[in-house]
Amino acid sequence: MKILLVCNAGMSSSILVKKIKDAAAQKGMDVVVEAKSNNGISSEKGKWDVCMVGPQIIYAVEQIKHILGIPVAAVEPRTYAMADGAKALEQAVKMFEEK
């Protein structure tokens, strides 16, 4: 599964990316996770299975969904703030399974 994590600059989400990778490794899951900036998001079309958006840009969820054409949802603020990789991975898997 390929997970895109989008925030304003792609920087604050890098910690969560590492935690998601760690959680996936513990479960033996094969995932690709990257953090990208909201700017230039259209160049990511066709590369990802799901997209998770940082809470600071929750306003952009519908726009990103329209651009990428994949499931897009904001990461729960507490999950994001605590960099809870297991919870974020759980959310991504649920999004993937429901698409």
PDB file of N, CA and C in Angstrom:
ATOM      1  N   MET A   1       0.849  -1.176   0.000  1.00  0.00           N
ATOM      2  CA  MET A   1       0.000   0.000   0.000  1.00  0.00           C
ATOM      3  C   MET A   1       0.893   1.237   0.000  1.00  0.00           C
ATOM      4  N   LYS A   2       0.483   2.219  -0.761  1.00  0.00           N
ATOM      5  CA  LYS A   2       1.230   3.470  -0.860  1.00  0.00           C
ATOM      6  C   LYS A   2       0.418   4.590  -0.212  1.00  0.00           C
ATOM      7  N   ILE A   3       1.015   5.206   0.805  1.00  0.00           N
ATOM      8  CA  ILE A   3       0.341   6.237   1.592  1.00  0.00           C
ATOM      9  C   ILE A   3       1.052   7.569   1.397  1.00  0.00           C
ATOM     10  N   LEU A   4       0.315   8.574   0.979  1.00  0.00           N
ATOM     11  CA  LEU A   4       0.836   9.931   0.863  1.00  0.00           C
ATOM     12  C   LEU A   4       0.346  10.727   2.055  1.00  0.00           C
ATOM     13  N   LEU A   5       1.254  11.408   2.722  1.00  0.00           N
ATOM     14  CA  LEU A   5       0.907  12.272   3.845  1.00  0.00           C
ATOM     15  C   LEU A   5       1.199  13.703   3.426  1.00  0.00           C
ATOM     16  N   VAL A   6       0.173  14.544   3.438  1.00  0.00           N
ATOM     17  CA  VAL A   6       0.310  15.916   2.948  1.00  0.00           C
ATOM     18  C   VAL A   6       0.143  16.913   4.089  1.00  0.00           C
ATOM     19  N   CYS A   7       1.062  17.874   4.144  1.00  0.00           N
ATOM     20  CA  CYS A   7       0.921  18.989   5.088  1.00  0.00           C
ATOM     21  C   CYS A   7       1.362  20.264   4.379  1.00  0.00           C
ATOM     22  N   ASN A   8       1.471  21.347   5.109  1.00  0.00           N
ATOM     23  CA  ASN A   8       1.823  22.615   4.482  1.00  0.00           C
ATOM     24  C   ASN A   8       3.166  22.569   3.763  1.00  0.00           C
ATOM     25  N   ALA A   9       4.205  22.130   4.455  1.00  0.00           N
ATOM     26  CA  ALA A   9       5.537  22.132   3.857  1.00  0.00           C
ATOM     27  C   ALA A   9       6.134  20.739   3.711  1.00  0.00           C
ATOM     28  N   GLY A  10       5.446  19.727   4.199  1.00  0.00           N
ATOM     29  CA  GLY A  10       5.984  18.375   4.122  1.00  0.00           C
ATOM     30  C   GLY A  10       6.999  18.078   5.212  1.00  0.00           C
ATOM     31  N   MET A  11       7.200  19.006   6.128  1.00  0.00           N
ATOM     32  CA  MET A  11       8.226  18.838   7.156  1.00  0.00           C
ATOM     33  C   MET A  11       7.654  18.246   8.448  1.00  0.00           C
ATOM     34  N   SER A  12       6.592  18.819   8.959  1.00  0.00           N
ATOM     35  CA  SER A  12       6.063  18.360  10.253  1.00  0.00           C
ATOM     36  C   SER A  12       5.566  16.928  10.183  1.00  0.00           C
ATOM     37  N   SER A  13       5.177  16.499   9.012  1.00  0.00           N
ATOM     38  CA  SER A  13       4.655  15.145   8.870  1.00  0.00           C
ATOM     39  C   SER A  13       5.755  14.091   8.728  1.00  0.00           C
ATOM     40  N   SER A  14       7.006  14.515   8.584  1.00  0.00           N
ATOM     41  CA  SER A  14       8.089  13.538   8.399  1.00  0.00           C
ATOM     42  C   SER A  14       8.257  12.638   9.627  1.00  0.00           C
ATOM     43  N   ILE A  15       7.979  13.147  10.804  1.00  0.00           N
ATOM     44  CA  ILE A  15       8.061  12.326  12.018  1.00  0.00           C
ATOM     45  C   ILE A  15       6.985  11.244  11.971  1.00  0.00           C
ATOM     46  N   LEU A  16       5.784  11.639  11.587  1.00  0.00           N
ATOM     47  CA  LEU A  16       4.697  10.675  11.505  1.00  0.00           C
ATOM     48  C   LEU A  16       4.979   9.617  10.429  1.00  0.00           C
ATOM     49  N   VAL A  17       5.596  10.011   9.340  1.00  0.00           N
ATOM     50  CA  VAL A  17       5.960   9.062   8.283  1.00  0.00           C
ATOM     51  C   VAL A  17       6.850   7.957   8.855  1.00  0.00           C
ATOM     52  N   LYS A  18       7.864   8.349   9.618  1.00  0.00           N
ATOM     53  CA  LYS A  18       8.765   7.360  10.216  1.00  0.00           C
ATOM     54  C   LYS A  18       8.009   6.438  11.164  1.00  0.00           C
ATOM     55  N   LYS A  19       7.101   7.002  11.951  1.00  0.00           N
ATOM     56  CA  LYS A  19       6.332   6.195  12.908  1.00  0.00           C
ATOM     57  C   LYS A  19       5.393   5.225  12.191  1.00  0.00           C
ATOM     58  N   ILE A  20       4.819   5.661  11.071  1.00  0.00           N
ATOM     59  CA  ILE A  20       3.957   4.771  10.287  1.00  0.00           C
ATOM     60  C   ILE A  20       4.789   3.624   9.713  1.00  0.00           C
ATOM     61  N   LYS A  21       5.965   3.940   9.188  1.00  0.00           N
ATOM     62  CA  LYS A  21       6.850   2.905   8.656  1.00  0.00           C
ATOM     63  C   LYS A  21       7.230   1.905   9.748  1.00  0.00           C
ATOM     64  N   ASP A  22       7.526   2.410  10.934  1.00  0.00           N
ATOM     65  CA  ASP A  22       7.881   1.538  12.060  1.00  0.00           C
ATOM     66  C   ASP A  22       6.714   0.617  12.425  1.00  0.00           C
ATOM     67  N   ALA A  23       5.510   1.186  12.488  1.00  0.00           N
ATOM     68  CA  ALA A  23       4.319   0.400  12.832  1.00  0.00           C
ATOM     69  C   ALA A  23       4.058  -0.675  11.780  1.00  0.00           C
ATOM     70  N   ALA A  24       4.231  -0.319  10.509  1.00  0.00           N
ATOM     71  CA  ALA A  24       4.022  -1.280   9.422  1.00  0.00           C
ATOM     72  C   ALA A  24       5.049  -2.404   9.497  1.00  0.00           C
ATOM     73  N   ALA A  25       6.286  -2.068   9.787  1.00  0.00           N
ATOM     74  CA  ALA A  25       7.348  -3.072   9.892  1.00  0.00           C
ATOM     75  C   ALA A  25       7.048  -4.055  11.023  1.00  0.00           C
ATOM     76  N   GLN A  26       6.541  -3.543  12.132  1.00  0.00           N
ATOM     77  CA  GLN A  26       6.199  -4.408  13.266  1.00  0.00           C
ATOM     78  C   GLN A  26       5.093  -5.392  12.909  1.00  0.00           C
ATOM     79  N   LYS A  27       4.219  -4.983  11.981  1.00  0.00           N
ATOM     80  CA  LYS A  27       3.111  -5.844  11.567  1.00  0.00           C
ATOM     81  C   LYS A  27       3.455  -6.672  10.332  1.00  0.00           C
ATOM     82  N   GLY A  28       4.655  -6.487   9.806  1.00  0.00           N
ATOM     83  CA  GLY A  28       5.066  -7.215   8.618  1.00  0.00           C
ATOM     84  C   GLY A  28       4.371  -6.740   7.353  1.00  0.00           C
ATOM     85  N   MET A  29       3.947  -5.502   7.354  1.00  0.00           N
ATOM     86  CA  MET A  29       3.240  -4.934   6.199  1.00  0.00           C
ATOM     87  C   MET A  29       4.219  -4.241   5.263  1.00  0.00           C
ATOM     88  N   ASP A  30       3.959  -4.355   3.975  1.00  0.00           N
ATOM     89  CA  ASP A  30       4.772  -3.690   2.963  1.00  0.00           C
ATOM     90  C   ASP A  30       4.083  -2.388   2.580  1.00  0.00           C
ATOM     91  N   VAL A  31       4.604  -1.275   3.089  1.00  0.00           N
ATOM     92  CA  VAL A  31       4.014   0.025   2.766  1.00  0.00           C
ATOM     93  C   VAL A  31       5.087   0.995   2.305  1.00  0.00           C
ATOM     94  N   VAL A  32       4.657   1.913   1.476  1.00  0.00           N
ATOM     95  CA  VAL A  32       5.469   3.045   1.075  1.00  0.00           C
ATOM     96  C   VAL A  32       4.758   4.261   1.628  1.00  0.00           C
ATOM     97  N   VAL A  33       5.481   5.094   2.365  1.00  0.00           N
ATOM     98  CA  VAL A  33       4.890   6.289   2.964  1.00  0.00           C
ATOM     99  C   VAL A  33       5.825   7.460   2.711  1.00  0.00           C
ATOM    100  N   GLU A  34       5.273   8.557   2.212  1.00  0.00           N
ATOM    101  CA  GLU A  34       6.064   9.770   2.002  1.00  0.00           C
ATOM    102  C   GLU A  34       5.259  10.991   2.399  1.00  0.00           C
ATOM    103  N   ALA A  35       5.965  12.009   2.834  1.00  0.00           N
ATOM    104  CA  ALA A  35       5.353  13.297   3.161  1.00  0.00           C
ATOM    105  C   ALA A  35       5.655  14.278   2.032  1.00  0.00           C
ATOM    106  N   LYS A  36       4.630  14.995   1.634  1.00  0.00           N
ATOM    107  CA  LYS A  36       4.788  15.988   0.572  1.00  0.00           C
ATOM    108  C   LYS A  36       4.063  17.262   0.977  1.00  0.00           C
ATOM    109  N   SER A  37       4.475  18.348   0.374  1.00  0.00           N
ATOM    110  CA  SER A  37       3.813  19.633   0.571  1.00  0.00           C
ATOM    111  C   SER A  37       2.525  19.687  -0.233  1.00  0.00           C
ATOM    112  N   ASN A  38       1.585  20.465   0.246  1.00  0.00           N
ATOM    113  CA  ASN A  38       0.325  20.666  -0.473  1.00  0.00           C
ATOM    114  C   ASN A  38       0.570  21.344  -1.825  1.00  0.00           C
ATOM    115  N   ASN A  39       1.642  22.100  -1.926  1.00  0.00           N
ATOM    116  CA  ASN A  39       1.983  22.763  -3.190  1.00  0.00           C
ATOM    117  C   ASN A  39       2.433  21.722  -4.203  1.00  0.00           C
ATOM    118  N   GLY A  40       1.920  21.775  -5.385  1.00  0.00           N
ATOM    119  CA  GLY A  40       2.314  20.857  -6.438  1.00  0.00           C
ATOM    120  C   GLY A  40       1.757  19.460  -6.279  1.00  0.00           C
ATOM    121  N   ILE A  41       0.669  19.321  -5.544  1.00  0.00           N
ATOM    122  CA  ILE A  41       0.073  18.009  -5.265  1.00  0.00           C
ATOM    123  C   ILE A  41      -0.375  17.303  -6.548  1.00  0.00           C
ATOM    124  N   SER A  42      -0.690  18.062  -7.571  1.00  0.00           N
ATOM    125  CA  SER A  42      -1.179  17.456  -8.816  1.00  0.00           C
ATOM    126  C   SER A  42      -0.141  16.537  -9.459  1.00  0.00           C
ATOM    127  N   SER A  43       1.135  16.756  -9.183  1.00  0.00           N
ATOM    128  CA  SER A  43       2.177  15.887  -9.752  1.00  0.00           C
ATOM    129  C   SER A  43       2.207  14.505  -9.083  1.00  0.00           C
ATOM    130  N   GLU A  44       1.424  14.322  -8.022  1.00  0.00           N
ATOM    131  CA  GLU A  44       1.377  13.047  -7.298  1.00  0.00           C
ATOM    132  C   GLU A  44       0.247  12.132  -7.785  1.00  0.00           C
ATOM    133  N   LYS A  45      -0.567  12.623  -8.704  1.00  0.00           N
ATOM    134  CA  LYS A  45      -1.708  11.840  -9.194  1.00  0.00           C
ATOM    135  C   LYS A  45      -1.241  10.510  -9.789  1.00  0.00           C
ATOM    136  N   GLY A  46      -1.924   9.426  -9.392  1.00  0.00           N
ATOM    137  CA  GLY A  46      -1.635   8.110  -9.919  1.00  0.00           C
ATOM    138  C   GLY A  46      -0.512   7.358  -9.205  1.00  0.00           C
ATOM    139  N   LYS A  47       0.088   7.972  -8.192  1.00  0.00           N
ATOM    140  CA  LYS A  47       1.219   7.350  -7.507  1.00  0.00           C
ATOM    141  C   LYS A  47       0.852   6.711  -6.162  1.00  0.00           C
ATOM    142  N   TRP A  48      -0.347   6.998  -5.638  1.00  0.00           N
ATOM    143  CA  TRP A  48      -0.680   6.629  -4.266  1.00  0.00           C
ATOM    144  C   TRP A  48      -2.024   5.906  -4.178  1.00  0.00           C
ATOM    145  N   ASP A  49      -2.170   5.088  -3.121  1.00  0.00           N
ATOM    146  CA  ASP A  49      -3.439   4.402  -2.862  1.00  0.00           C
ATOM    147  C   ASP A  49      -4.372   5.233  -1.993  1.00  0.00           C
ATOM    148  N   VAL A  50      -3.801   5.903  -0.982  1.00  0.00           N
ATOM    149  CA  VAL A  50      -4.575   6.773  -0.096  1.00  0.00           C
ATOM    150  C   VAL A  50      -3.745   7.992   0.247  1.00  0.00           C
ATOM    151  N   CYS A  51      -4.430   9.047   0.662  1.00  0.00           N
ATOM    152  CA  CYS A  51      -3.758  10.279   1.065  1.00  0.00           C
ATOM    153  C   CYS A  51      -4.304  10.724   2.411  1.00  0.00           C
ATOM    154  N   MET A  52      -3.399  10.984   3.324  1.00  0.00           N
ATOM    155  CA  MET A  52      -3.767  11.505   4.631  1.00  0.00           C
ATOM    156  C   MET A  52      -3.248  12.930   4.727  1.00  0.00           C
ATOM    157  N   VAL A  53      -4.079  13.801   5.257  1.00  0.00           N
ATOM    158  CA  VAL A  53      -3.780  15.227   5.290  1.00  0.00           C
ATOM    159  C   VAL A  53      -3.570  15.662   6.733  1.00  0.00           C
ATOM    160  N   GLY A  54      -2.542  16.461   6.955  1.00  0.00           N
ATOM    161  CA  GLY A  54      -2.290  17.003   8.288  1.00  0.00           C
ATOM    162  C   GLY A  54      -3.438  17.888   8.729  1.00  0.00           C
ATOM    163  N   PRO A  55      -3.760  17.885  10.023  1.00  0.00           N
ATOM    164  CA  PRO A  55      -4.901  18.658  10.527  1.00  0.00           C
ATOM    165  C   PRO A  55      -4.812  20.156  10.239  1.00  0.00           C
ATOM    166  N   GLN A  56      -3.600  20.664  10.059  1.00  0.00           N
ATOM    167  CA  GLN A  56      -3.447  22.097   9.805  1.00  0.00           C
ATOM    168  C   GLN A  56      -3.969  22.514   8.434  1.00  0.00           C
ATOM    169  N   ILE A  57      -4.192  21.555   7.531  1.00  0.00           N
ATOM    170  CA  ILE A  57      -4.752  21.897   6.212  1.00  0.00           C
ATOM    171  C   ILE A  57      -6.010  21.077   5.921  1.00  0.00           C
ATOM    172  N   ILE A  58      -6.783  20.832   6.955  1.00  0.00           N
ATOM    173  CA  ILE A  58      -8.023  20.061   6.802  1.00  0.00           C
ATOM    174  C   ILE A  58      -8.947  20.691   5.753  1.00  0.00           C
ATOM    175  N   TYR A  59      -8.836  21.984   5.581  1.00  0.00           N
ATOM    176  CA  TYR A  59      -9.654  22.699   4.601  1.00  0.00           C
ATOM    177  C   TYR A  59      -9.396  22.217   3.168  1.00  0.00           C
ATOM    178  N   ALA A  60      -8.262  21.571   2.932  1.00  0.00           N
ATOM    179  CA  ALA A  60      -7.876  21.175   1.571  1.00  0.00           C
ATOM    180  C   ALA A  60      -8.271  19.744   1.216  1.00  0.00           C
ATOM    181  N   VAL A  61      -8.912  19.011   2.123  1.00  0.00           N
ATOM    182  CA  VAL A  61      -9.228  17.600   1.891  1.00  0.00           C
ATOM    183  C   VAL A  61     -10.017  17.398   0.604  1.00  0.00           C
ATOM    184  N   GLU A  62     -11.093  18.114   0.418  1.00  0.00           N
ATOM    185  CA  GLU A  62     -11.930  17.927  -0.777  1.00  0.00           C
ATOM    186  C   GLU A  62     -11.189  18.289  -2.059  1.00  0.00           C
ATOM    187  N   GLN A  63     -10.403  19.344  -2.012  1.00  0.00           N
ATOM    188  CA  GLN A  63      -9.631  19.751  -3.186  1.00  0.00           C
ATOM    189  C   GLN A  63      -8.608  18.675  -3.550  1.00  0.00           C
ATOM    190  N   ILE A  64      -7.911  18.134  -2.555  1.00  0.00           N
ATOM    191  CA  ILE A  64      -6.910  17.095  -2.801  1.00  0.00           C
ATOM    192  C   ILE A  64      -7.585  15.828  -3.330  1.00  0.00           C
ATOM    193  N   LYS A  65      -8.735  15.492  -2.768  1.00  0.00           N
ATOM    194  CA  LYS A  65      -9.490  14.321  -3.223  1.00  0.00           C
ATOM    195  C   LYS A  65      -9.851  14.478  -4.700  1.00  0.00           C
ATOM    196  N   HIS A  66     -10.274  15.674  -5.066  1.00  0.00           N
ATOM    197  CA  HIS A  66     -10.642  15.955  -6.458  1.00  0.00           C
ATOM    198  C   HIS A  66      -9.417  15.832  -7.380  1.00  0.00           C
ATOM    199  N   ILE A  67      -8.282  16.328  -6.939  1.00  0.00           N
ATOM    200  CA  ILE A  67      -7.066  16.299  -7.757  1.00  0.00           C
ATOM    201  C   ILE A  67      -6.518  14.881  -7.903  1.00  0.00           C
ATOM    202  N   LEU A  68      -6.432  14.142  -6.781  1.00  0.00           N
ATOM    203  CA  LEU A  68      -5.785  12.830  -6.807  1.00  0.00           C
ATOM    204  C   LEU A  68      -6.715  11.692  -7.189  1.00  0.00           C
ATOM    205  N   GLY A  69      -8.012  11.835  -6.916  1.00  0.00           N
ATOM    206  CA  GLY A  69      -8.968  10.786  -7.259  1.00  0.00           C
ATOM    207  C   GLY A  69      -8.822   9.520  -6.433  1.00  0.00           C
ATOM    208  N   ILE A  70      -8.339   9.658  -5.207  1.00  0.00           N
ATOM    209  CA  ILE A  70      -8.172   8.523  -4.288  1.00  0.00           C
ATOM    210  C   ILE A  70      -8.787   8.901  -2.939  1.00  0.00           C
ATOM    211  N   PRO A  71      -8.938   7.937  -2.025  1.00  0.00           N
ATOM    212  CA  PRO A  71      -9.441   8.288  -0.701  1.00  0.00           C
ATOM    213  C   PRO A  71      -8.499   9.283   0.001  1.00  0.00           C
ATOM    214  N   VAL A  72      -9.076  10.351   0.526  1.00  0.00           N
ATOM    215  CA  VAL A  72      -8.319  11.388   1.232  1.00  0.00           C
ATOM    216  C   VAL A  72      -9.055  11.708   2.520  1.00  0.00           C
ATOM    217  N   ALA A  73      -8.322  11.787   3.619  1.00  0.00           N
ATOM    218  CA  ALA A  73      -8.918  12.160   4.906  1.00  0.00           C
ATOM    219  C   ALA A  73      -7.866  12.841   5.765  1.00  0.00           C
ATOM    220  N   ALA A  74      -8.328  13.690   6.657  1.00  0.00           N
ATOM    221  CA  ALA A  74      -7.426  14.336   7.603  1.00  0.00           C
ATOM    222  C   ALA A  74      -7.032  13.333   8.685  1.00  0.00           C
ATOM    223  N   VAL A  75      -5.790  13.395   9.091  1.00  0.00           N
ATOM    224  CA  VAL A  75      -5.325  12.600  10.221  1.00  0.00           C
ATOM    225  C   VAL A  75      -5.972  13.186  11.473  1.00  0.00           C
ATOM    226  N   GLU A  76      -6.458  12.323  12.343  1.00  0.00           N
ATOM    227  CA  GLU A  76      -7.049  12.803  13.590  1.00  0.00           C
ATOM    228  C   GLU A  76      -6.009  13.667  14.312  1.00  0.00           C
ATOM    229  N   PRO A  77      -6.408  14.859  14.795  1.00  0.00           N
ATOM    230  CA  PRO A  77      -5.436  15.773  15.417  1.00  0.00           C
ATOM    231  C   PRO A  77      -4.591  15.143  16.527  1.00  0.00           C
ATOM    232  N   ARG A  78      -5.199  14.336  17.380  1.00  0.00           N
ATOM    233  CA  ARG A  78      -4.436  13.706  18.463  1.00  0.00           C
ATOM    234  C   ARG A  78      -3.410  12.708  17.905  1.00  0.00           C
ATOM    235  N   THR A  79      -3.805  11.947  16.903  1.00  0.00           N
ATOM    236  CA  THR A  79      -2.896  10.992  16.265  1.00  0.00           C
ATOM    237  C   THR A  79      -1.710  11.734  15.671  1.00  0.00           C
ATOM    238  N   TYR A  80      -1.993  12.851  15.023  1.00  0.00           N
ATOM    239  CA  TYR A  80      -0.948  13.657  14.395  1.00  0.00           C
ATOM    240  C   TYR A  80      -0.021  14.265  15.440  1.00  0.00           C
ATOM    241  N   ALA A  81      -0.612  14.873  16.464  1.00  0.00           N
ATOM    242  CA  ALA A  81       0.170  15.544  17.507  1.00  0.00           C
ATOM    243  C   ALA A  81       1.063  14.575  18.270  1.00  0.00           C
ATOM    244  N   MET A  82       0.564  13.370  18.499  1.00  0.00           N
ATOM    245  CA  MET A  82       1.326  12.369  19.243  1.00  0.00           C
ATOM    246  C   MET A  82       2.226  11.534  18.325  1.00  0.00           C
ATOM    247  N   ALA A  83       2.155  11.801  17.026  1.00  0.00           N
ATOM    248  CA  ALA A  83       2.890  11.016  16.022  1.00  0.00           C
ATOM    249  C   ALA A  83       2.664   9.529  16.268  1.00  0.00           C
ATOM    250  N   ASP A  84       1.388   9.164  16.398  1.00  0.00           N
ATOM    251  CA  ASP A  84       0.995   7.782  16.659  1.00  0.00           C
ATOM    252  C   ASP A  84       0.924   7.025  15.332  1.00  0.00           C
ATOM    253  N   GLY A  85       2.034   6.415  14.968  1.00  0.00           N
ATOM    254  CA  GLY A  85       2.132   5.717  13.693  1.00  0.00           C
ATOM    255  C   GLY A  85       1.165   4.564  13.563  1.00  0.00           C
ATOM    256  N   ALA A  86       0.938   3.844  14.655  1.00  0.00           N
ATOM    257  CA  ALA A  86       0.020   2.703  14.612  1.00  0.00           C
ATOM    258  C   ALA A  86      -1.403   3.155  14.308  1.00  0.00           C
ATOM    259  N   LYS A  87      -1.839   4.238  14.957  1.00  0.00           N
ATOM    260  CA  LYS A  87      -3.197   4.757  14.720  1.00  0.00           C
ATOM    261  C   LYS A  87      -3.327   5.302  13.303  1.00  0.00           C
ATOM    262  N   ALA A  88      -2.312   6.015  12.843  1.00  0.00           N
ATOM    263  CA  ALA A  88      -2.346   6.566  11.486  1.00  0.00           C
ATOM    264  C   ALA A  88      -2.372   5.443  10.452  1.00  0.00           C
ATOM    265  N   LEU A  89      -1.586   4.389  10.678  1.00  0.00           N
ATOM    266  CA  LEU A  89      -1.574   3.247   9.772  1.00  0.00           C
ATOM    267  C   LEU A  89      -2.938   2.572   9.757  1.00  0.00           C
ATOM    268  N   GLU A  90      -3.519   2.433  10.921  1.00  0.00           N
ATOM    269  CA  GLU A  90      -4.856   1.835  11.035  1.00  0.00           C
ATOM    270  C   GLU A  90      -5.875   2.638  10.218  1.00  0.00           C
ATOM    271  N   GLN A  91      -5.793   3.965  10.306  1.00  0.00           N
ATOM    272  CA  GLN A  91      -6.692   4.834   9.538  1.00  0.00           C
ATOM    273  C   GLN A  91      -6.464   4.649   8.037  1.00  0.00           C
ATOM    274  N   ALA A  92      -5.211   4.598   7.623  1.00  0.00           N
ATOM    275  CA  ALA A  92      -4.889   4.441   6.196  1.00  0.00           C
ATOM    276  C   ALA A  92      -5.389   3.107   5.652  1.00  0.00           C
ATOM    277  N   VAL A  93      -5.209   2.041   6.429  1.00  0.00           N
ATOM    278  CA  VAL A  93      -5.658   0.716   6.006  1.00  0.00           C
ATOM    279  C   VAL A  93      -7.180   0.710   5.856  1.00  0.00           C
ATOM    280  N   LYS A  94      -7.863   1.328   6.793  1.00  0.00           N
ATOM    281  CA  LYS A  94      -9.327   1.395   6.736  1.00  0.00           C
ATOM    282  C   LYS A  94      -9.777   2.167   5.485  1.00  0.00           C
ATOM    283  N   MET A  95      -9.107   3.273   5.190  1.00  0.00           N
ATOM    284  CA  MET A  95      -9.431   4.053   3.990  1.00  0.00           C
ATOM    285  C   MET A  95      -9.224   3.206   2.742  1.00  0.00           C
ATOM    286  N   PHE A  96      -8.135   2.467   2.701  1.00  0.00           N
ATOM    287  CA  PHE A  96      -7.787   1.639   1.557  1.00  0.00           C
ATOM    288  C   PHE A  96      -8.830   0.531   1.352  1.00  0.00           C
ATOM    289  N   GLU A  97      -9.223  -0.090   2.436  1.00  0.00           N
ATOM    290  CA  GLU A  97     -10.183  -1.190   2.351  1.00  0.00           C
ATOM    291  C   GLU A  97     -11.587  -0.719   1.973  1.00  0.00           C
ATOM    292  N   GLU A  98     -11.922   0.518   2.293  1.00  0.00           N
ATOM    293  CA  GLU A  98     -13.260   1.038   2.011  1.00  0.00           C
ATOM    294  C   GLU A  98     -13.389   1.677   0.641  1.00  0.00           C
ATOM    295  N   LYS A  99     -12.291   1.800  -0.092  1.00  0.00           N
ATOM    296  CA  LYS A  99     -12.385   2.506  -1.385  1.00  0.00           C
ATOM    297  C   LYS A  99     -13.069   1.714  -2.453  1.00  0.00           C
TER     298      LYS A  99
END
